[in-house]
Amino acid sequence: MAITKEQRRLRIRRGIRNKVSGTAERPRLSVFKSNKAIYAQLIDDANGSTLVASSSAELGAGTVNMTSSKEVGKKLAEKAAGSGISSVVFDRGGYPYHGKIKALAEGAREGGLKF
């Protein structure tokens, strides 16, 4: 049986999660994208809690494109600065670092987050 695209992404995601974990001082920036929206959240894995979250649905973007992905990253960085977070560990969720994922990361960097 052939491995589907989603199964491949989940396998890559498990490998990333074995290596990357977030703390309260340096949380994990987790990214998820669907066909309708892109979501990003800062997670403290030690306590198992979400510190800050942002999404394209929250911004009112009708479609997910490079521009809206970048805005989600900037909004997340703005919220993180309000919570006193300046440095994060990036978890791309098994997606290739290309396109919308890259735009979100660049937006977060422009907003002031350090990876």
PDB file of N, CA and C in Angstrom:
ATOM      1  N   MET A   1       0.834  -1.177   0.000  1.00  0.00           N
ATOM      2  CA  MET A   1       0.000   0.000   0.000  1.00  0.00           C
ATOM      3  C   MET A   1       0.882   1.245   0.000  1.00  0.00           C
ATOM      4  N   ALA A   2       0.570   2.174  -0.841  1.00  0.00           N
ATOM      5  CA  ALA A   2       1.358   3.392  -0.978  1.00  0.00           C
ATOM      6  C   ALA A   2       1.072   4.356   0.182  1.00  0.00           C
ATOM      7  N   ILE A   3       2.064   5.095   0.559  1.00  0.00           N
ATOM      8  CA  ILE A   3       1.916   6.092   1.609  1.00  0.00           C
ATOM      9  C   ILE A   3       1.322   7.358   0.998  1.00  0.00           C
ATOM     10  N   THR A   4       0.272   7.861   1.641  1.00  0.00           N
ATOM     11  CA  THR A   4      -0.358   9.076   1.138  1.00  0.00           C
ATOM     12  C   THR A   4       0.446  10.303   1.552  1.00  0.00           C
ATOM     13  N   LYS A   5       0.110  11.415   0.973  1.00  0.00           N
ATOM     14  CA  LYS A   5       0.792  12.673   1.277  1.00  0.00           C
ATOM     15  C   LYS A   5       0.635  13.043   2.759  1.00  0.00           C
ATOM     16  N   GLU A   6      -0.572  12.841   3.281  1.00  0.00           N
ATOM     17  CA  GLU A   6      -0.808  13.168   4.691  1.00  0.00           C
ATOM     18  C   GLU A   6      -0.048  12.234   5.622  1.00  0.00           C
ATOM     19  N   GLN A   7       0.008  10.944   5.306  1.00  0.00           N
ATOM     20  CA  GLN A   7       0.777  10.002   6.130  1.00  0.00           C
ATOM     21  C   GLN A   7       2.255  10.370   6.136  1.00  0.00           C
ATOM     22  N   ARG A   8       2.774  10.799   4.997  1.00  0.00           N
ATOM     23  CA  ARG A   8       4.176  11.219   4.907  1.00  0.00           C
ATOM     24  C   ARG A   8       4.420  12.449   5.778  1.00  0.00           C
ATOM     25  N   ARG A   9       3.496  13.428   5.722  1.00  0.00           N
ATOM     26  CA  ARG A   9       3.625  14.635   6.525  1.00  0.00           C
ATOM     27  C   ARG A   9       3.592  14.317   8.016  1.00  0.00           C
ATOM     28  N   LEU A  10       2.704  13.409   8.425  1.00  0.00           N
ATOM     29  CA  LEU A  10       2.606  13.040   9.830  1.00  0.00           C
ATOM     30  C   LEU A  10       3.852  12.299  10.306  1.00  0.00           C
ATOM     31  N   ARG A  11       4.457  11.499   9.443  1.00  0.00           N
ATOM     32  CA  ARG A  11       5.696  10.802   9.794  1.00  0.00           C
ATOM     33  C   ARG A  11       6.822  11.818  10.012  1.00  0.00           C
ATOM     34  N   ILE A  12       6.919  12.798   9.125  1.00  0.00           N
ATOM     35  CA  ILE A  12       7.924  13.859   9.266  1.00  0.00           C
ATOM     36  C   ILE A  12       7.650  14.660  10.540  1.00  0.00           C
ATOM     37  N   ARG A  13       6.365  14.934  10.806  1.00  0.00           N
ATOM     38  CA  ARG A  13       5.983  15.701  11.993  1.00  0.00           C
ATOM     39  C   ARG A  13       6.414  14.997  13.277  1.00  0.00           C
ATOM     40  N   ARG A  14       6.239  13.685  13.339  1.00  0.00           N
ATOM     41  CA  ARG A  14       6.666  12.923  14.526  1.00  0.00           C
ATOM     42  C   ARG A  14       8.162  13.049  14.742  1.00  0.00           C
ATOM     43  N   GLY A  15       8.925  13.014  13.657  1.00  0.00           N
ATOM     44  CA  GLY A  15      10.378  13.162  13.766  1.00  0.00           C
ATOM     45  C   GLY A  15      10.778  14.531  14.291  1.00  0.00           C
ATOM     46  N   ILE A  16      10.081  15.556  13.816  1.00  0.00           N
ATOM     47  CA  ILE A  16      10.357  16.919  14.280  1.00  0.00           C
ATOM     48  C   ILE A  16      10.012  17.056  15.763  1.00  0.00           C
ATOM     49  N   ARG A  17       8.865  16.502  16.173  1.00  0.00           N
ATOM     50  CA  ARG A  17       8.425  16.626  17.560  1.00  0.00           C
ATOM     51  C   ARG A  17       9.336  15.880  18.529  1.00  0.00           C
ATOM     52  N   ASN A  18      10.030  14.828  18.055  1.00  0.00           N
ATOM     53  CA  ASN A  18      10.984  14.128  18.914  1.00  0.00           C
ATOM     54  C   ASN A  18      12.196  15.000  19.217  1.00  0.00           C
ATOM     55  N   LYS A  19      12.477  15.960  18.341  1.00  0.00           N
ATOM     56  CA  LYS A  19      13.663  16.806  18.500  1.00  0.00           C
ATOM     57  C   LYS A  19      13.354  18.182  19.067  1.00  0.00           C
ATOM     58  N   VAL A  20      12.127  18.678  18.876  1.00  0.00           N
ATOM     59  CA  VAL A  20      11.775  20.052  19.231  1.00  0.00           C
ATOM     60  C   VAL A  20      10.747  20.052  20.354  1.00  0.00           C
ATOM     61  N   SER A  21      11.026  20.818  21.405  1.00  0.00           N
ATOM     62  CA  SER A  21      10.021  21.026  22.448  1.00  0.00           C
ATOM     63  C   SER A  21      10.175  22.434  22.988  1.00  0.00           C
ATOM     64  N   GLY A  22       9.095  22.981  23.489  1.00  0.00           N
ATOM     65  CA  GLY A  22       9.087  24.355  23.961  1.00  0.00           C
ATOM     66  C   GLY A  22       9.044  24.446  25.471  1.00  0.00           C
ATOM     67  N   THR A  23       9.554  25.538  25.985  1.00  0.00           N
ATOM     68  CA  THR A  23       9.504  25.825  27.411  1.00  0.00           C
ATOM     69  C   THR A  23       8.775  27.150  27.602  1.00  0.00           C
ATOM     70  N   ALA A  24       8.598  27.559  28.851  1.00  0.00           N
ATOM     71  CA  ALA A  24       7.924  28.834  29.111  1.00  0.00           C
ATOM     72  C   ALA A  24       8.769  29.998  28.607  1.00  0.00           C
ATOM     73  N   GLU A  25      10.117  29.889  28.706  1.00  0.00           N
ATOM     74  CA  GLU A  25      11.005  30.957  28.260  1.00  0.00           C
ATOM     75  C   GLU A  25      11.135  30.974  26.738  1.00  0.00           C
ATOM     76  N   ARG A  26      11.176  29.783  26.139  1.00  0.00           N
ATOM     77  CA  ARG A  26      11.325  29.668  24.681  1.00  0.00           C
ATOM     78  C   ARG A  26      10.295  28.655  24.159  1.00  0.00           C
ATOM     79  N   PRO A  27       9.063  29.114  23.922  1.00  0.00           N
ATOM     80  CA  PRO A  27       8.004  28.194  23.492  1.00  0.00           C
ATOM     81  C   PRO A  27       8.166  27.727  22.049  1.00  0.00           C
ATOM     82  N   ARG A  28       7.392  26.705  21.720  1.00  0.00           N
ATOM     83  CA  ARG A  28       7.403  26.141  20.370  1.00  0.00           C
ATOM     84  C   ARG A  28       6.344  26.838  19.532  1.00  0.00           C
ATOM     85  N   LEU A  29       6.750  27.349  18.358  1.00  0.00           N
ATOM     86  CA  LEU A  29       5.816  27.973  17.421  1.00  0.00           C
ATOM     87  C   LEU A  29       5.328  26.867  16.493  1.00  0.00           C
ATOM     88  N   SER A  30       4.118  26.397  16.726  1.00  0.00           N
ATOM     89  CA  SER A  30       3.538  25.310  15.952  1.00  0.00           C
ATOM     90  C   SER A  30       2.640  25.872  14.857  1.00  0.00           C
ATOM     91  N   VAL A  31       2.755  25.309  13.644  1.00  0.00           N
ATOM     92  CA  VAL A  31       1.990  25.780  12.486  1.00  0.00           C
ATOM     93  C   VAL A  31       1.103  24.650  11.963  1.00  0.00           C
ATOM     94  N   PHE A  32      -0.146  24.993  11.636  1.00  0.00           N
ATOM     95  CA  PHE A  32      -1.057  24.057  10.976  1.00  0.00           C
ATOM     96  C   PHE A  32      -1.777  24.814   9.884  1.00  0.00           C
ATOM     97  N   LYS A  33      -1.882  24.195   8.725  1.00  0.00           N
ATOM     98  CA  LYS A  33      -2.642  24.832   7.651  1.00  0.00           C
ATOM     99  C   LYS A  33      -3.694  23.869   7.133  1.00  0.00           C
ATOM    100  N   SER A  34      -4.858  24.435   6.858  1.00  0.00           N
ATOM    101  CA  SER A  34      -5.947  23.685   6.246  1.00  0.00           C
ATOM    102  C   SER A  34      -6.234  24.333   4.901  1.00  0.00           C
ATOM    103  N   ASN A  35      -7.264  23.863   4.225  1.00  0.00           N
ATOM    104  CA  ASN A  35      -7.617  24.452   2.942  1.00  0.00           C
ATOM    105  C   ASN A  35      -8.224  25.842   3.099  1.00  0.00           C
ATOM    106  N   LYS A  36      -8.766  26.141   4.295  1.00  0.00           N
ATOM    107  CA  LYS A  36      -9.450  27.407   4.501  1.00  0.00           C
ATOM    108  C   LYS A  36      -8.689  28.406   5.359  1.00  0.00           C
ATOM    109  N   ALA A  37      -7.756  27.950   6.173  1.00  0.00           N
ATOM    110  CA  ALA A  37      -7.081  28.860   7.098  1.00  0.00           C
ATOM    111  C   ALA A  37      -5.684  28.343   7.437  1.00  0.00           C
ATOM    112  N   ILE A  38      -4.890  29.219   8.049  1.00  0.00           N
ATOM    113  CA  ILE A  38      -3.581  28.841   8.570  1.00  0.00           C
ATOM    114  C   ILE A  38      -3.548  29.273  10.031  1.00  0.00           C
ATOM    115  N   TYR A  39      -3.044  28.400  10.890  1.00  0.00           N
ATOM    116  CA  TYR A  39      -3.060  28.619  12.325  1.00  0.00           C
ATOM    117  C   TYR A  39      -1.638  28.555  12.862  1.00  0.00           C
ATOM    118  N   ALA A  40      -1.340  29.384  13.862  1.00  0.00           N
ATOM    119  CA  ALA A  40      -0.045  29.351  14.522  1.00  0.00           C
ATOM    120  C   ALA A  40      -0.273  29.564  16.008  1.00  0.00           C
ATOM    121  N   GLN A  41       0.480  28.837  16.820  1.00  0.00           N
ATOM    122  CA  GLN A  41       0.358  29.011  18.259  1.00  0.00           C
ATOM    123  C   GLN A  41       1.698  28.795  18.937  1.00  0.00           C
ATOM    124  N   LEU A  42       1.885  29.464  20.064  1.00  0.00           N
ATOM    125  CA  LEU A  42       3.085  29.291  20.877  1.00  0.00           C
ATOM    126  C   LEU A  42       2.715  28.370  22.030  1.00  0.00           C
ATOM    127  N   ILE A  43       3.447  27.267  22.160  1.00  0.00           N
ATOM    128  CA  ILE A  43       3.099  26.215  23.107  1.00  0.00           C
ATOM    129  C   ILE A  43       4.223  25.996  24.098  1.00  0.00           C
ATOM    130  N   ASP A  44       3.862  25.909  25.373  1.00  0.00           N
ATOM    131  CA  ASP A  44       4.784  25.518  26.435  1.00  0.00           C
ATOM    132  C   ASP A  44       4.573  24.029  26.668  1.00  0.00           C
ATOM    133  N   ASP A  45       5.488  23.199  26.149  1.00  0.00           N
ATOM    134  CA  ASP A  45       5.327  21.746  26.248  1.00  0.00           C
ATOM    135  C   ASP A  45       5.548  21.231  27.668  1.00  0.00           C
ATOM    136  N   ALA A  46       6.313  21.951  28.479  1.00  0.00           N
ATOM    137  CA  ALA A  46       6.560  21.520  29.852  1.00  0.00           C
ATOM    138  C   ALA A  46       5.255  21.509  30.651  1.00  0.00           C
ATOM    139  N   ASN A  47       4.403  22.515  30.448  1.00  0.00           N
ATOM    140  CA  ASN A  47       3.118  22.593  31.149  1.00  0.00           C
ATOM    141  C   ASN A  47       1.957  22.111  30.291  1.00  0.00           C
ATOM    142  N   GLY A  48       2.197  21.905  28.999  1.00  0.00           N
ATOM    143  CA  GLY A  48       1.136  21.461  28.102  1.00  0.00           C
ATOM    144  C   GLY A  48       0.085  22.532  27.876  1.00  0.00           C
ATOM    145  N   SER A  49       0.519  23.791  27.713  1.00  0.00           N
ATOM    146  CA  SER A  49      -0.446  24.869  27.543  1.00  0.00           C
ATOM    147  C   SER A  49      -0.088  25.756  26.353  1.00  0.00           C
ATOM    148  N   THR A  50      -1.111  26.332  25.752  1.00  0.00           N
ATOM    149  CA  THR A  50      -0.930  27.287  24.670  1.00  0.00           C
ATOM    150  C   THR A  50      -0.827  28.674  25.279  1.00  0.00           C
ATOM    151  N   LEU A  51       0.236  29.392  24.945  1.00  0.00           N
ATOM    152  CA  LEU A  51       0.468  30.723  25.497  1.00  0.00           C
ATOM    153  C   LEU A  51      -0.175  31.810  24.643  1.00  0.00           C
ATOM    154  N   VAL A  52       0.002  31.709  23.314  1.00  0.00           N
ATOM    155  CA  VAL A  52      -0.508  32.707  22.376  1.00  0.00           C
ATOM    156  C   VAL A  52      -0.931  31.976  21.105  1.00  0.00           C
ATOM    157  N   ALA A  53      -2.008  32.437  20.469  1.00  0.00           N
ATOM    158  CA  ALA A  53      -2.447  31.823  19.214  1.00  0.00           C
ATOM    159  C   ALA A  53      -2.946  32.895  18.254  1.00  0.00           C
ATOM    160  N   SER A  54      -2.841  32.587  16.958  1.00  0.00           N
ATOM    161  CA  SER A  54      -3.325  33.482  15.914  1.00  0.00           C
ATOM    162  C   SER A  54      -3.693  32.654  14.698  1.00  0.00           C
ATOM    163  N   SER A  55      -4.642  33.151  13.913  1.00  0.00           N
ATOM    164  CA  SER A  55      -5.036  32.429  12.704  1.00  0.00           C
ATOM    165  C   SER A  55      -5.538  33.407  11.656  1.00  0.00           C
ATOM    166  N   SER A  56      -5.602  32.934  10.424  1.00  0.00           N
ATOM    167  CA  SER A  56      -6.115  33.769   9.342  1.00  0.00           C
ATOM    168  C   SER A  56      -7.624  33.955   9.490  1.00  0.00           C
ATOM    169  N   ALA A  57      -8.309  33.003  10.096  1.00  0.00           N
ATOM    170  CA  ALA A  57      -9.748  33.137  10.330  1.00  0.00           C
ATOM    171  C   ALA A  57     -10.012  34.271  11.323  1.00  0.00           C
ATOM    172  N   GLU A  58      -9.142  34.403  12.315  1.00  0.00           N
ATOM    173  CA  GLU A  58      -9.249  35.466  13.311  1.00  0.00           C
ATOM    174  C   GLU A  58      -9.054  36.843  12.677  1.00  0.00           C
ATOM    175  N   LEU A  59      -8.195  36.910  11.657  1.00  0.00           N
ATOM    176  CA  LEU A  59      -7.926  38.174  10.969  1.00  0.00           C
ATOM    177  C   LEU A  59      -8.998  38.525   9.945  1.00  0.00           C
ATOM    178  N   GLY A  60      -9.864  37.559   9.644  1.00  0.00           N
ATOM    179  CA  GLY A  60     -10.936  37.809   8.690  1.00  0.00           C
ATOM    180  C   GLY A  60     -10.513  37.657   7.244  1.00  0.00           C
ATOM    181  N   ALA A  61      -9.387  36.974   7.009  1.00  0.00           N
ATOM    182  CA  ALA A  61      -8.924  36.748   5.638  1.00  0.00           C
ATOM    183  C   ALA A  61      -9.825  35.710   4.981  1.00  0.00           C
ATOM    184  N   GLY A  62     -10.346  36.025   3.816  1.00  0.00           N
ATOM    185  CA  GLY A  62     -11.239  35.104   3.114  1.00  0.00           C
ATOM    186  C   GLY A  62     -10.512  33.883   2.586  1.00  0.00           C
ATOM    187  N   THR A  63      -9.344  34.102   2.008  1.00  0.00           N
ATOM    188  CA  THR A  63      -8.557  33.002   1.478  1.00  0.00           C
ATOM    189  C   THR A  63      -7.170  33.030   2.112  1.00  0.00           C
ATOM    190  N   VAL A  64      -6.534  31.883   2.133  1.00  0.00           N
ATOM    191  CA  VAL A  64      -5.182  31.802   2.676  1.00  0.00           C
ATOM    192  C   VAL A  64      -4.210  31.943   1.521  1.00  0.00           C
ATOM    193  N   ASN A  65      -3.390  32.982   1.584  1.00  0.00           N
ATOM    194  CA  ASN A  65      -2.354  33.182   0.586  1.00  0.00           C
ATOM    195  C   ASN A  65      -1.100  33.669   1.300  1.00  0.00           C
ATOM    196  N   MET A  66      -0.097  34.026   0.548  1.00  0.00           N
ATOM    197  CA  MET A  66       1.172  34.448   1.130  1.00  0.00           C
ATOM    198  C   MET A  66       0.991  35.689   2.010  1.00  0.00           C
ATOM    199  N   THR A  67       0.179  36.625   1.563  1.00  0.00           N
ATOM    200  CA  THR A  67      -0.017  37.866   2.301  1.00  0.00           C
ATOM    201  C   THR A  67      -0.698  37.618   3.638  1.00  0.00           C
ATOM    202  N   SER A  68      -1.765  36.824   3.625  1.00  0.00           N
ATOM    203  CA  SER A  68      -2.478  36.557   4.875  1.00  0.00           C
ATOM    204  C   SER A  68      -1.623  35.725   5.823  1.00  0.00           C
ATOM    205  N   SER A  69      -0.794  34.823   5.285  1.00  0.00           N
ATOM    206  CA  SER A  69       0.103  34.026   6.122  1.00  0.00           C
ATOM    207  C   SER A  69       1.115  34.927   6.819  1.00  0.00           C
ATOM    208  N   LYS A  70       1.640  35.893   6.102  1.00  0.00           N
ATOM    209  CA  LYS A  70       2.606  36.831   6.677  1.00  0.00           C
ATOM    210  C   LYS A  70       1.945  37.669   7.774  1.00  0.00           C
ATOM    211  N   GLU A  71       0.699  38.069   7.546  1.00  0.00           N
ATOM    212  CA  GLU A  71      -0.038  38.853   8.546  1.00  0.00           C
ATOM    213  C   GLU A  71      -0.289  38.041   9.813  1.00  0.00           C
ATOM    214  N   VAL A  72      -0.552  36.746   9.671  1.00  0.00           N
ATOM    215  CA  VAL A  72      -0.744  35.876  10.831  1.00  0.00           C
ATOM    216  C   VAL A  72       0.550  35.831  11.650  1.00  0.00           C
ATOM    217  N   GLY A  73       1.688  35.721  10.985  1.00  0.00           N
ATOM    218  CA  GLY A  73       2.978  35.721  11.672  1.00  0.00           C
ATOM    219  C   GLY A  73       3.232  37.022  12.414  1.00  0.00           C
ATOM    220  N   LYS A  74       2.920  38.142  11.782  1.00  0.00           N
ATOM    221  CA  LYS A  74       3.108  39.447  12.429  1.00  0.00           C
ATOM    222  C   LYS A  74       2.194  39.593  13.639  1.00  0.00           C
ATOM    223  N   LYS A  75       0.933  39.161  13.497  1.00  0.00           N
ATOM    224  CA  LYS A  75      -0.030  39.259  14.593  1.00  0.00           C
ATOM    225  C   LYS A  75       0.400  38.381  15.767  1.00  0.00           C
ATOM    226  N   LEU A  76       0.916  37.194  15.463  1.00  0.00           N
ATOM    227  CA  LEU A  76       1.396  36.295  16.515  1.00  0.00           C
ATOM    228  C   LEU A  76       2.582  36.926  17.252  1.00  0.00           C
ATOM    229  N   ALA A  77       3.501  37.530  16.510  1.00  0.00           N
ATOM    230  CA  ALA A  77       4.662  38.183  17.124  1.00  0.00           C
ATOM    231  C   ALA A  77       4.232  39.351  17.999  1.00  0.00           C
ATOM    232  N   GLU A  78       3.220  40.075  17.555  1.00  0.00           N
ATOM    233  CA  GLU A  78       2.697  41.204  18.336  1.00  0.00           C
ATOM    234  C   GLU A  78       2.104  40.721  19.655  1.00  0.00           C
ATOM    235  N   LYS A  79       1.315  39.638  19.605  1.00  0.00           N
ATOM    236  CA  LYS A  79       0.727  39.069  20.815  1.00  0.00           C
ATOM    237  C   LYS A  79       1.807  38.509  21.730  1.00  0.00           C
ATOM    238  N   ALA A  80       2.835  37.878  21.142  1.00  0.00           N
ATOM    239  CA  ALA A  80       3.926  37.309  21.932  1.00  0.00           C
ATOM    240  C   ALA A  80       4.701  38.399  22.660  1.00  0.00           C
ATOM    241  N   ALA A  81       4.932  39.524  21.989  1.00  0.00           N
ATOM    242  CA  ALA A  81       5.635  40.644  22.617  1.00  0.00           C
ATOM    243  C   ALA A  81       4.830  41.165  23.804  1.00  0.00           C
ATOM    244  N   GLY A  82       3.518  41.183  23.678  1.00  0.00           N
ATOM    245  CA  GLY A  82       2.652  41.589  24.784  1.00  0.00           C
ATOM    246  C   GLY A  82       2.720  40.641  25.963  1.00  0.00           C
ATOM    247  N   SER A  83       3.036  39.372  25.690  1.00  0.00           N
ATOM    248  CA  SER A  83       3.168  38.366  26.748  1.00  0.00           C
ATOM    249  C   SER A  83       4.598  38.239  27.257  1.00  0.00           C
ATOM    250  N   GLY A  84       5.517  39.026  26.679  1.00  0.00           N
ATOM    251  CA  GLY A  84       6.909  38.988  27.129  1.00  0.00           C
ATOM    252  C   GLY A  84       7.733  37.872  26.510  1.00  0.00           C
ATOM    253  N   ILE A  85       7.329  37.376  25.352  1.00  0.00           N
ATOM    254  CA  ILE A  85       8.052  36.302  24.669  1.00  0.00           C
ATOM    255  C   ILE A  85       8.807  36.900  23.489  1.00  0.00           C
ATOM    256  N   SER A  86      10.112  36.628  23.412  1.00  0.00           N
ATOM    257  CA  SER A  86      10.902  37.189  22.314  1.00  0.00           C
ATOM    258  C   SER A  86      11.608  36.118  21.491  1.00  0.00           C
ATOM    259  N   SER A  87      11.765  34.910  22.037  1.00  0.00           N
ATOM    260  CA  SER A  87      12.493  33.849  21.349  1.00  0.00           C
ATOM    261  C   SER A  87      11.652  32.580  21.314  1.00  0.00           C
ATOM    262  N   VAL A  88      11.627  31.904  20.164  1.00  0.00           N
ATOM    263  CA  VAL A  88      10.818  30.693  20.003  1.00  0.00           C
ATOM    264  C   VAL A  88      11.603  29.611  19.266  1.00  0.00           C
ATOM    265  N   VAL A  89      11.064  28.396  19.304  1.00  0.00           N
ATOM    266  CA  VAL A  89      11.568  27.275  18.518  1.00  0.00           C
ATOM    267  C   VAL A  89      10.521  27.009  17.443  1.00  0.00           C
ATOM    268  N   PHE A  90      10.921  26.923  16.180  1.00  0.00           N
ATOM    269  CA  PHE A  90       9.966  26.787  15.080  1.00  0.00           C
ATOM    270  C   PHE A  90       9.659  25.323  14.795  1.00  0.00           C
ATOM    271  N   ASP A  91       8.369  24.993  14.780  1.00  0.00           N
ATOM    272  CA  ASP A  91       7.884  23.652  14.444  1.00  0.00           C
ATOM    273  C   ASP A  91       6.996  23.793  13.216  1.00  0.00           C
ATOM    274  N   ARG A  92       7.516  23.372  12.060  1.00  0.00           N
ATOM    275  CA  ARG A  92       6.785  23.561  10.808  1.00  0.00           C
ATOM    276  C   ARG A  92       5.690  22.526  10.602  1.00  0.00           C
ATOM    277  N   GLY A  93       5.522  21.594  11.518  1.00  0.00           N
ATOM    278  CA  GLY A  93       4.415  20.648  11.477  1.00  0.00           C
ATOM    279  C   GLY A  93       4.496  19.635  10.352  1.00  0.00           C
ATOM    280  N   GLY A  94       5.675  19.370   9.832  1.00  0.00           N
ATOM    281  CA  GLY A  94       5.833  18.402   8.756  1.00  0.00           C
ATOM    282  C   GLY A  94       5.657  18.985   7.374  1.00  0.00           C
ATOM    283  N   TYR A  95       5.283  20.259   7.287  1.00  0.00           N
ATOM    284  CA  TYR A  95       5.136  20.911   5.991  1.00  0.00           C
ATOM    285  C   TYR A  95       6.508  21.360   5.494  1.00  0.00           C
ATOM    286  N   PRO A  96       6.731  21.385   4.187  1.00  0.00           N
ATOM    287  CA  PRO A  96       8.001  21.917   3.674  1.00  0.00           C
ATOM    288  C   PRO A  96       8.135  23.403   4.015  1.00  0.00           C
ATOM    289  N   TYR A  97       9.346  23.834   4.294  1.00  0.00           N
ATOM    290  CA  TYR A  97       9.590  25.255   4.595  1.00  0.00           C
ATOM    291  C   TYR A  97       9.608  26.006   3.274  1.00  0.00           C
ATOM    292  N   HIS A  98       8.398  26.300   2.785  1.00  0.00           N
ATOM    293  CA  HIS A  98       8.234  26.893   1.466  1.00  0.00           C
ATOM    294  C   HIS A  98       6.851  27.523   1.413  1.00  0.00           C
ATOM    295  N   GLY A  99       6.698  28.562   0.655  1.00  0.00           N
ATOM    296  CA  GLY A  99       5.375  29.148   0.426  1.00  0.00           C
ATOM    297  C   GLY A  99       4.767  29.777   1.658  1.00  0.00           C
ATOM    298  N   LYS A 100       3.574  29.310   2.054  1.00  0.00           N
ATOM    299  CA  LYS A 100       2.814  29.909   3.148  1.00  0.00           C
ATOM    300  C   LYS A 100       3.500  29.737   4.493  1.00  0.00           C
ATOM    301  N   ILE A 101       4.147  28.597   4.702  1.00  0.00           N
ATOM    302  CA  ILE A 101       4.855  28.345   5.960  1.00  0.00           C
ATOM    303  C   ILE A 101       6.034  29.310   6.082  1.00  0.00           C
ATOM    304  N   LYS A 102       6.770  29.483   5.011  1.00  0.00           N
ATOM    305  CA  LYS A 102       7.903  30.415   4.997  1.00  0.00           C
ATOM    306  C   LYS A 102       7.428  31.849   5.203  1.00  0.00           C
ATOM    307  N   ALA A 103       6.307  32.218   4.583  1.00  0.00           N
ATOM    308  CA  ALA A 103       5.759  33.563   4.733  1.00  0.00           C
ATOM    309  C   ALA A 103       5.354  33.828   6.182  1.00  0.00           C
ATOM    310  N   LEU A 104       4.741  32.844   6.832  1.00  0.00           N
ATOM    311  CA  LEU A 104       4.358  32.986   8.232  1.00  0.00           C
ATOM    312  C   LEU A 104       5.601  33.192   9.101  1.00  0.00           C
ATOM    313  N   ALA A 105       6.651  32.400   8.862  1.00  0.00           N
ATOM    314  CA  ALA A 105       7.892  32.514   9.639  1.00  0.00           C
ATOM    315  C   ALA A 105       8.541  33.880   9.424  1.00  0.00           C
ATOM    316  N   GLU A 106       8.566  34.361   8.185  1.00  0.00           N
ATOM    317  CA  GLU A 106       9.154  35.669   7.900  1.00  0.00           C
ATOM    318  C   GLU A 106       8.348  36.793   8.550  1.00  0.00           C
ATOM    319  N   GLY A 107       7.029  36.657   8.562  1.00  0.00           N
ATOM    320  CA  GLY A 107       6.181  37.645   9.231  1.00  0.00           C
ATOM    321  C   GLY A 107       6.443  37.684  10.730  1.00  0.00           C
ATOM    322  N   ALA A 108       6.636  36.511  11.331  1.00  0.00           N
ATOM    323  CA  ALA A 108       6.934  36.445  12.761  1.00  0.00           C
ATOM    324  C   ALA A 108       8.294  37.075  13.054  1.00  0.00           C
ATOM    325  N   ARG A 109       9.265  36.843  12.165  1.00  0.00           N
ATOM    326  CA  ARG A 109      10.583  37.459  12.349  1.00  0.00           C
ATOM    327  C   ARG A 109      10.507  38.981  12.212  1.00  0.00           C
ATOM    328  N   GLU A 110       9.728  39.448  11.234  1.00  0.00           N
ATOM    329  CA  GLU A 110       9.550  40.896  11.065  1.00  0.00           C
ATOM    330  C   GLU A 110       8.872  41.510  12.271  1.00  0.00           C
ATOM    331  N   GLY A 111       7.995  40.742  12.917  1.00  0.00           N
ATOM    332  CA  GLY A 111       7.303  41.221  14.114  1.00  0.00           C
ATOM    333  C   GLY A 111       8.191  41.244  15.348  1.00  0.00           C
ATOM    334  N   GLY A 112       9.373  40.624  15.281  1.00  0.00           N
ATOM    335  CA  GLY A 112      10.301  40.692  16.407  1.00  0.00           C
ATOM    336  C   GLY A 112      10.633  39.381  17.076  1.00  0.00           C
ATOM    337  N   LEU A 113      10.061  38.266  16.617  1.00  0.00           N
ATOM    338  CA  LEU A 113      10.405  36.978  17.227  1.00  0.00           C
ATOM    339  C   LEU A 113      11.756  36.487  16.704  1.00  0.00           C
ATOM    340  N   LYS A 114      12.525  35.863  17.579  1.00  0.00           N
ATOM    341  CA  LYS A 114      13.810  35.281  17.203  1.00  0.00           C
ATOM    342  C   LYS A 114      13.678  33.775  17.198  1.00  0.00           C
ATOM    343  N   PHE A 115      14.144  33.149  16.111  1.00  0.00           N
ATOM    344  CA  PHE A 115      14.079  31.689  16.001  1.00  0.00           C
ATOM    345  C   PHE A 115      15.432  31.114  16.336  1.00  0.00           C
TER     346      PHE A 115
END
